[in-house]
N, C-alpha and C. Protein backbone atom coordinates (compact mmCIF):
# COMPACT_ATOMS: atom_id res chain seq x y z
N MET A 1 10.89 -7.61 10.20
CA MET A 1 11.11 -6.20 10.37
C MET A 1 10.09 -5.61 11.32
N TRP A 2 8.81 -5.98 11.18
CA TRP A 2 7.74 -5.36 11.97
C TRP A 2 7.89 -5.66 13.46
N ARG A 3 8.56 -6.72 13.82
CA ARG A 3 8.69 -7.06 15.22
C ARG A 3 9.51 -6.03 16.00
N PHE A 4 10.26 -5.19 15.30
CA PHE A 4 11.08 -4.17 15.95
C PHE A 4 10.30 -2.87 16.18
N LEU A 5 9.14 -2.76 15.62
CA LEU A 5 8.35 -1.54 15.74
C LEU A 5 7.44 -1.60 16.96
N ASP A 6 7.28 -0.47 17.59
CA ASP A 6 6.35 -0.35 18.69
C ASP A 6 4.94 -0.61 18.17
N GLU A 7 4.11 -1.26 18.94
CA GLU A 7 2.74 -1.60 18.48
C GLU A 7 1.88 -0.38 18.25
N ASP A 8 2.29 0.79 18.76
CA ASP A 8 1.52 2.02 18.56
C ASP A 8 1.85 2.72 17.26
N ILE A 9 2.77 2.18 16.49
CA ILE A 9 3.17 2.79 15.23
C ILE A 9 2.36 2.19 14.10
N ASP A 10 1.75 3.08 13.32
CA ASP A 10 0.99 2.66 12.15
C ASP A 10 1.93 2.63 10.94
N VAL A 11 1.96 1.54 10.22
CA VAL A 11 2.76 1.43 9.01
C VAL A 11 1.84 1.73 7.84
N ILE A 12 2.26 2.68 6.99
CA ILE A 12 1.44 3.10 5.86
C ILE A 12 2.11 2.61 4.57
N CYS A 13 1.36 1.91 3.78
CA CYS A 13 1.85 1.38 2.52
C CYS A 13 1.36 2.28 1.38
N GLN A 14 2.27 2.73 0.53
CA GLN A 14 1.88 3.65 -0.54
C GLN A 14 0.85 3.07 -1.49
N THR A 15 0.86 1.75 -1.69
CA THR A 15 -0.12 1.15 -2.60
C THR A 15 -1.53 1.20 -2.02
N ASP A 16 -1.64 1.40 -0.70
CA ASP A 16 -2.94 1.55 -0.08
C ASP A 16 -3.41 3.00 -0.07
N VAL A 17 -2.48 3.94 -0.16
CA VAL A 17 -2.79 5.36 0.01
C VAL A 17 -2.85 6.14 -1.31
N VAL A 18 -1.87 5.96 -2.16
CA VAL A 18 -1.72 6.80 -3.35
C VAL A 18 -2.92 6.77 -4.30
N PRO A 19 -3.47 5.60 -4.68
CA PRO A 19 -4.60 5.63 -5.61
C PRO A 19 -5.81 6.43 -5.08
N GLY A 20 -6.13 6.26 -3.80
CA GLY A 20 -7.25 7.01 -3.23
C GLY A 20 -7.00 8.50 -3.18
N LYS A 21 -5.77 8.89 -2.81
CA LYS A 21 -5.43 10.31 -2.75
C LYS A 21 -5.48 10.94 -4.15
N LEU A 22 -5.00 10.21 -5.16
CA LEU A 22 -5.07 10.71 -6.52
C LEU A 22 -6.52 10.89 -6.97
N ARG A 23 -7.35 9.91 -6.66
CA ARG A 23 -8.77 9.99 -6.99
C ARG A 23 -9.41 11.23 -6.33
N GLU A 24 -9.11 11.45 -5.05
CA GLU A 24 -9.63 12.61 -4.34
C GLU A 24 -9.14 13.93 -4.96
N TYR A 25 -7.86 13.96 -5.30
CA TYR A 25 -7.28 15.16 -5.90
C TYR A 25 -7.97 15.49 -7.24
N LEU A 26 -8.13 14.48 -8.07
CA LEU A 26 -8.76 14.72 -9.38
C LEU A 26 -10.23 15.11 -9.20
N ALA A 27 -10.88 14.61 -8.17
CA ALA A 27 -12.28 15.02 -7.91
C ALA A 27 -12.35 16.48 -7.51
N ARG A 28 -11.33 16.96 -6.81
CA ARG A 28 -11.30 18.38 -6.40
C ARG A 28 -10.82 19.29 -7.51
N HIS A 29 -10.17 18.74 -8.54
CA HIS A 29 -9.61 19.53 -9.63
C HIS A 29 -10.08 18.99 -10.98
N PRO A 30 -11.36 19.17 -11.29
CA PRO A 30 -11.90 18.62 -12.54
C PRO A 30 -11.22 19.20 -13.78
N GLU A 31 -10.63 20.38 -13.66
CA GLU A 31 -9.96 20.97 -14.82
C GLU A 31 -8.78 20.12 -15.28
N ILE A 32 -8.17 19.38 -14.39
CA ILE A 32 -7.09 18.49 -14.78
C ILE A 32 -7.63 17.29 -15.55
N ASP A 33 -8.73 16.73 -15.07
CA ASP A 33 -9.34 15.58 -15.74
C ASP A 33 -9.74 15.92 -17.17
N VAL A 34 -10.21 17.14 -17.40
CA VAL A 34 -10.62 17.56 -18.73
C VAL A 34 -9.43 17.54 -19.68
N ASN A 35 -8.24 17.85 -19.17
CA ASN A 35 -7.06 17.93 -20.01
C ASN A 35 -6.36 16.58 -20.22
N LEU A 36 -6.79 15.56 -19.51
CA LEU A 36 -6.16 14.25 -19.67
C LEU A 36 -6.64 13.57 -20.94
N ASP A 37 -5.72 13.03 -21.69
CA ASP A 37 -6.07 12.31 -22.91
C ASP A 37 -6.47 10.89 -22.54
N LYS A 38 -7.72 10.55 -22.74
CA LYS A 38 -8.24 9.24 -22.37
C LYS A 38 -7.94 8.16 -23.41
N ASN A 39 -7.47 8.56 -24.58
CA ASN A 39 -7.25 7.59 -25.65
C ASN A 39 -5.77 7.48 -26.02
N GLY A 40 -4.93 8.10 -25.24
CA GLY A 40 -3.50 8.08 -25.54
C GLY A 40 -2.83 6.79 -25.10
N GLU A 41 -1.57 6.69 -25.41
CA GLU A 41 -0.78 5.52 -25.03
C GLU A 41 -0.30 5.70 -23.59
N ARG A 42 -0.38 4.64 -22.82
CA ARG A 42 0.07 4.68 -21.44
C ARG A 42 1.41 3.98 -21.30
N GLU A 43 2.29 4.61 -20.52
CA GLU A 43 3.58 4.00 -20.23
C GLU A 43 3.68 3.90 -18.71
N PHE A 44 4.13 2.76 -18.22
CA PHE A 44 4.23 2.53 -16.78
C PHE A 44 5.67 2.22 -16.43
N PHE A 45 6.29 3.09 -15.66
CA PHE A 45 7.66 2.91 -15.23
C PHE A 45 7.64 2.65 -13.73
N VAL A 46 8.25 1.56 -13.32
CA VAL A 46 8.23 1.18 -11.91
C VAL A 46 9.63 0.82 -11.45
N THR A 47 9.86 0.90 -10.15
CA THR A 47 11.16 0.54 -9.58
C THR A 47 11.21 -0.92 -9.16
N GLU A 48 10.04 -1.56 -9.15
CA GLU A 48 9.97 -2.98 -8.82
C GLU A 48 8.73 -3.57 -9.48
N ILE A 49 8.88 -4.71 -10.08
CA ILE A 49 7.75 -5.40 -10.69
C ILE A 49 7.42 -6.62 -9.84
N THR A 50 6.23 -6.60 -9.30
CA THR A 50 5.79 -7.74 -8.52
C THR A 50 4.53 -8.32 -9.19
N GLU A 51 4.28 -9.57 -8.93
CA GLU A 51 3.10 -10.22 -9.49
C GLU A 51 1.82 -9.52 -9.04
N ARG A 52 1.79 -9.12 -7.75
CA ARG A 52 0.60 -8.43 -7.22
C ARG A 52 0.36 -7.10 -7.92
N PHE A 53 1.42 -6.31 -8.11
CA PHE A 53 1.25 -5.03 -8.77
C PHE A 53 0.86 -5.19 -10.22
N GLN A 54 1.47 -6.14 -10.90
CA GLN A 54 1.10 -6.42 -12.30
C GLN A 54 -0.37 -6.76 -12.40
N LYS A 55 -0.86 -7.59 -11.48
CA LYS A 55 -2.27 -7.99 -11.46
C LYS A 55 -3.17 -6.78 -11.22
N LEU A 56 -2.82 -5.96 -10.22
CA LEU A 56 -3.62 -4.78 -9.92
C LEU A 56 -3.64 -3.80 -11.07
N ALA A 57 -2.49 -3.55 -11.68
CA ALA A 57 -2.40 -2.62 -12.80
C ALA A 57 -3.30 -3.08 -13.94
N ASN A 58 -3.30 -4.36 -14.22
CA ASN A 58 -4.17 -4.87 -15.29
C ASN A 58 -5.65 -4.76 -14.93
N GLU A 59 -5.97 -4.91 -13.66
CA GLU A 59 -7.37 -4.72 -13.22
C GLU A 59 -7.77 -3.26 -13.35
N TRP A 60 -6.89 -2.36 -12.90
CA TRP A 60 -7.20 -0.92 -12.93
C TRP A 60 -7.39 -0.40 -14.35
N PHE A 61 -6.61 -0.93 -15.28
CA PHE A 61 -6.60 -0.41 -16.64
C PHE A 61 -7.14 -1.39 -17.67
N ASP A 62 -7.92 -2.35 -17.22
CA ASP A 62 -8.58 -3.31 -18.12
C ASP A 62 -7.60 -4.08 -18.99
N GLY A 63 -6.50 -4.51 -18.42
CA GLY A 63 -5.55 -5.39 -19.12
C GLY A 63 -4.60 -4.65 -20.03
N GLY A 64 -3.67 -5.41 -20.55
CA GLY A 64 -2.73 -4.86 -21.52
C GLY A 64 -1.66 -3.95 -20.93
N VAL A 65 -1.41 -4.02 -19.64
CA VAL A 65 -0.43 -3.16 -18.99
C VAL A 65 0.94 -3.82 -19.05
N ASN A 66 1.89 -3.09 -19.60
CA ASN A 66 3.28 -3.55 -19.59
C ASN A 66 4.10 -2.62 -18.70
N LEU A 67 4.68 -3.19 -17.67
CA LEU A 67 5.47 -2.41 -16.74
C LEU A 67 6.92 -2.41 -17.19
N GLU A 68 7.54 -1.24 -17.17
CA GLU A 68 8.94 -1.14 -17.52
C GLU A 68 9.76 -0.82 -16.27
N LEU A 69 10.70 -1.66 -16.02
CA LEU A 69 11.54 -1.53 -14.83
C LEU A 69 12.58 -0.44 -15.04
N VAL A 70 12.72 0.48 -14.09
CA VAL A 70 13.74 1.51 -14.13
C VAL A 70 14.62 1.36 -12.91
N ARG A 71 15.87 1.63 -13.08
CA ARG A 71 16.83 1.58 -11.97
C ARG A 71 17.06 3.01 -11.49
N TYR A 72 17.19 3.15 -10.22
CA TYR A 72 17.42 4.48 -9.65
C TYR A 72 18.77 4.55 -9.01
């Protein structure tokens, strides 16, 4: 696929961008962080389950992450 793109085009992958942007947003809005329940149950709904994402999710949340596949 990439061979059809002009070399001047930057391809942006959401997995590279979204976590950092969320971190920045929460840093700018501490009132949201205060309202987040740190001891609640987490549910993860994804449109695709890959080995890489499963590994990253477990690293980010210290293991025990179960991803639930949703169809759109």
